[in-house]
């Protein structure tokens, strides 16, 4: 797949220098950067979802049925009641 994007000339110079320092061509270096960033973002998202499993705010924000997050409808109602009582 191809990715095209305008970029500031100074930023490109830095990317070129970093790529050369690692013995890589710019496109290969940028692809590696993007892949690493994507992996870090997915890891962060999985941690957030794991920590917030069962949190009624997450269920509400994602607009998915409670079963999606391992909750029964009754558990979600209990969580909602606690959230509104706070």
C-alpha atoms as a PDB file:
ATOM      1  CA  UNK A   1       0.000   0.000   0.000  1.00  0.00           C
ATOM      2  CA  UNK A   2       1.230   3.480  -0.728  1.00  0.00           C
ATOM      3  CA  UNK A   3       1.128   6.431   1.652  1.00  0.00           C
ATOM      4  CA  UNK A   4       1.638   9.977   0.434  1.00  0.00           C
ATOM      5  CA  UNK A   5       1.764  12.972   2.692  1.00  0.00           C
ATOM      6  CA  UNK A   6       3.095  16.511   2.530  1.00  0.00           C
ATOM      7  CA  UNK A   7       5.763  17.185   5.121  1.00  0.00           C
ATOM      8  CA  UNK A   8       7.759  20.195   6.265  1.00  0.00           C
ATOM      9  CA  UNK A   9      11.201  20.299   4.608  1.00  0.00           C
ATOM     10  CA  UNK A  10      13.007  20.579   7.943  1.00  0.00           C
ATOM     11  CA  UNK A  11      11.179  17.529   9.281  1.00  0.00           C
ATOM     12  CA  UNK A  12      12.097  15.615   6.129  1.00  0.00           C
ATOM     13  CA  UNK A  13      15.765  16.514   6.597  1.00  0.00           C
ATOM     14  CA  UNK A  14      15.632  15.154  10.133  1.00  0.00           C
ATOM     15  CA  UNK A  15      13.922  11.958   8.946  1.00  0.00           C
ATOM     16  CA  UNK A  16      16.531  11.558   6.210  1.00  0.00           C
ATOM     17  CA  UNK A  17      19.361  12.004   8.709  1.00  0.00           C
ATOM     18  CA  UNK A  18      17.807   9.512  11.141  1.00  0.00           C
ATOM     19  CA  UNK A  19      17.269   7.001   8.357  1.00  0.00           C
ATOM     20  CA  UNK A  20      20.853   7.342   7.133  1.00  0.00           C
ATOM     21  CA  UNK A  21      22.160   6.974  10.685  1.00  0.00           C
ATOM     22  CA  UNK A  22      20.361   3.634  10.871  1.00  0.00           C
ATOM     23  CA  UNK A  23      21.507   2.583   7.397  1.00  0.00           C
ATOM     24  CA  UNK A  24      17.978   2.748   6.000  1.00  0.00           C
ATOM     25  CA  UNK A  25      16.258   4.506   3.132  1.00  0.00           C
ATOM     26  CA  UNK A  26      13.708   7.140   4.165  1.00  0.00           C
ATOM     27  CA  UNK A  27      10.594   5.172   3.062  1.00  0.00           C
ATOM     28  CA  UNK A  28      11.739   2.061   4.938  1.00  0.00           C
ATOM     29  CA  UNK A  29      12.541   4.124   8.027  1.00  0.00           C
ATOM     30  CA  UNK A  30       9.178   5.922   7.958  1.00  0.00           C
ATOM     31  CA  UNK A  31       7.347   2.613   7.496  1.00  0.00           C
ATOM     32  CA  UNK A  32       9.178   1.210  10.536  1.00  0.00           C
ATOM     33  CA  UNK A  33       8.263   4.322  12.565  1.00  0.00           C
ATOM     34  CA  UNK A  34       4.604   4.064  11.591  1.00  0.00           C
ATOM     35  CA  UNK A  35       4.471   0.346  12.357  1.00  0.00           C
ATOM     36  CA  UNK A  36       6.048   0.865  15.780  1.00  0.00           C
ATOM     37  CA  UNK A  37       3.638   3.711  16.530  1.00  0.00           C
ATOM     38  CA  UNK A  38       0.662   1.573  15.492  1.00  0.00           C
ATOM     39  CA  UNK A  39       1.811  -1.280  17.751  1.00  0.00           C
ATOM     40  CA  UNK A  40       2.271   1.091  20.706  1.00  0.00           C
ATOM     41  CA  UNK A  41      -1.174   2.625  20.148  1.00  0.00           C
ATOM     42  CA  UNK A  42      -2.822  -0.811  19.975  1.00  0.00           C
ATOM     43  CA  UNK A  43      -1.034  -1.911  23.140  1.00  0.00           C
ATOM     44  CA  UNK A  44      -2.188   1.250  24.926  1.00  0.00           C
ATOM     45  CA  UNK A  45      -5.761   0.744  23.714  1.00  0.00           C
ATOM     46  CA  UNK A  46      -5.801  -2.880  24.884  1.00  0.00           C
ATOM     47  CA  UNK A  47      -4.565  -1.839  28.339  1.00  0.00           C
ATOM     48  CA  UNK A  48      -7.217   0.851  28.592  1.00  0.00           C
ATOM     49  CA  UNK A  49      -9.980  -1.524  27.569  1.00  0.00           C
ATOM     50  CA  UNK A  50      -8.753  -4.187  29.983  1.00  0.00           C
ATOM     51  CA  UNK A  51      -8.600  -1.719  32.892  1.00  0.00           C
ATOM     52  CA  UNK A  52     -12.025  -0.247  32.147  1.00  0.00           C
ATOM     53  CA  UNK A  53     -13.857  -3.514  31.498  1.00  0.00           C
ATOM     54  CA  UNK A  54     -17.230  -3.196  33.184  1.00  0.00           C
ATOM     55  CA  UNK A  55     -17.004   0.571  33.606  1.00  0.00           C
ATOM     56  CA  UNK A  56     -20.379   2.017  32.597  1.00  0.00           C
ATOM     57  CA  UNK A  57     -18.717   5.117  31.125  1.00  0.00           C
ATOM     58  CA  UNK A  58     -16.813   2.943  28.660  1.00  0.00           C
ATOM     59  CA  UNK A  59     -19.936   1.040  27.681  1.00  0.00           C
ATOM     60  CA  UNK A  60     -21.795   4.309  27.169  1.00  0.00           C
ATOM     61  CA  UNK A  61     -18.944   5.965  25.260  1.00  0.00           C
ATOM     62  CA  UNK A  62     -18.541   3.073  22.840  1.00  0.00           C
ATOM     63  CA  UNK A  63     -22.261   2.655  22.372  1.00  0.00           C
ATOM     64  CA  UNK A  64     -21.967  -1.123  22.307  1.00  0.00           C
ATOM     65  CA  UNK A  65     -24.158  -3.600  24.139  1.00  0.00           C
ATOM     66  CA  UNK A  66     -22.833  -4.570  27.594  1.00  0.00           C
ATOM     67  CA  UNK A  67     -22.245  -8.167  26.437  1.00  0.00           C
ATOM     68  CA  UNK A  68     -19.466  -6.836  24.202  1.00  0.00           C
ATOM     69  CA  UNK A  69     -17.468  -6.067  27.345  1.00  0.00           C
ATOM     70  CA  UNK A  70     -18.315  -9.218  29.253  1.00  0.00           C
ATOM     71  CA  UNK A  71     -21.198  -7.659  31.198  1.00  0.00           C
ATOM     72  CA  UNK A  72     -24.754  -8.812  31.530  1.00  0.00           C
ATOM     73  CA  UNK A  73     -27.454  -6.171  31.204  1.00  0.00           C
ATOM     74  CA  UNK A  74     -28.084  -6.475  34.966  1.00  0.00           C
ATOM     75  CA  UNK A  75     -24.415  -5.751  35.766  1.00  0.00           C
ATOM     76  CA  UNK A  76     -24.518  -2.688  33.548  1.00  0.00           C
ATOM     77  CA  UNK A  77     -27.605  -1.397  35.403  1.00  0.00           C
ATOM     78  CA  UNK A  78     -25.788  -1.847  38.739  1.00  0.00           C
ATOM     79  CA  UNK A  79     -22.782   0.043  37.349  1.00  0.00           C
ATOM     80  CA  UNK A  80     -25.002   2.816  36.021  1.00  0.00           C
ATOM     81  CA  UNK A  81     -26.758   3.105  39.378  1.00  0.00           C
ATOM     82  CA  UNK A  82     -23.396   3.408  41.155  1.00  0.00           C
ATOM     83  CA  UNK A  83     -22.207   6.022  38.673  1.00  0.00           C
ATOM     84  CA  UNK A  84     -25.304   8.185  39.106  1.00  0.00           C
ATOM     85  CA  UNK A  85     -25.164   7.854  42.903  1.00  0.00           C
ATOM     86  CA  UNK A  86     -21.599   9.207  42.978  1.00  0.00           C
END
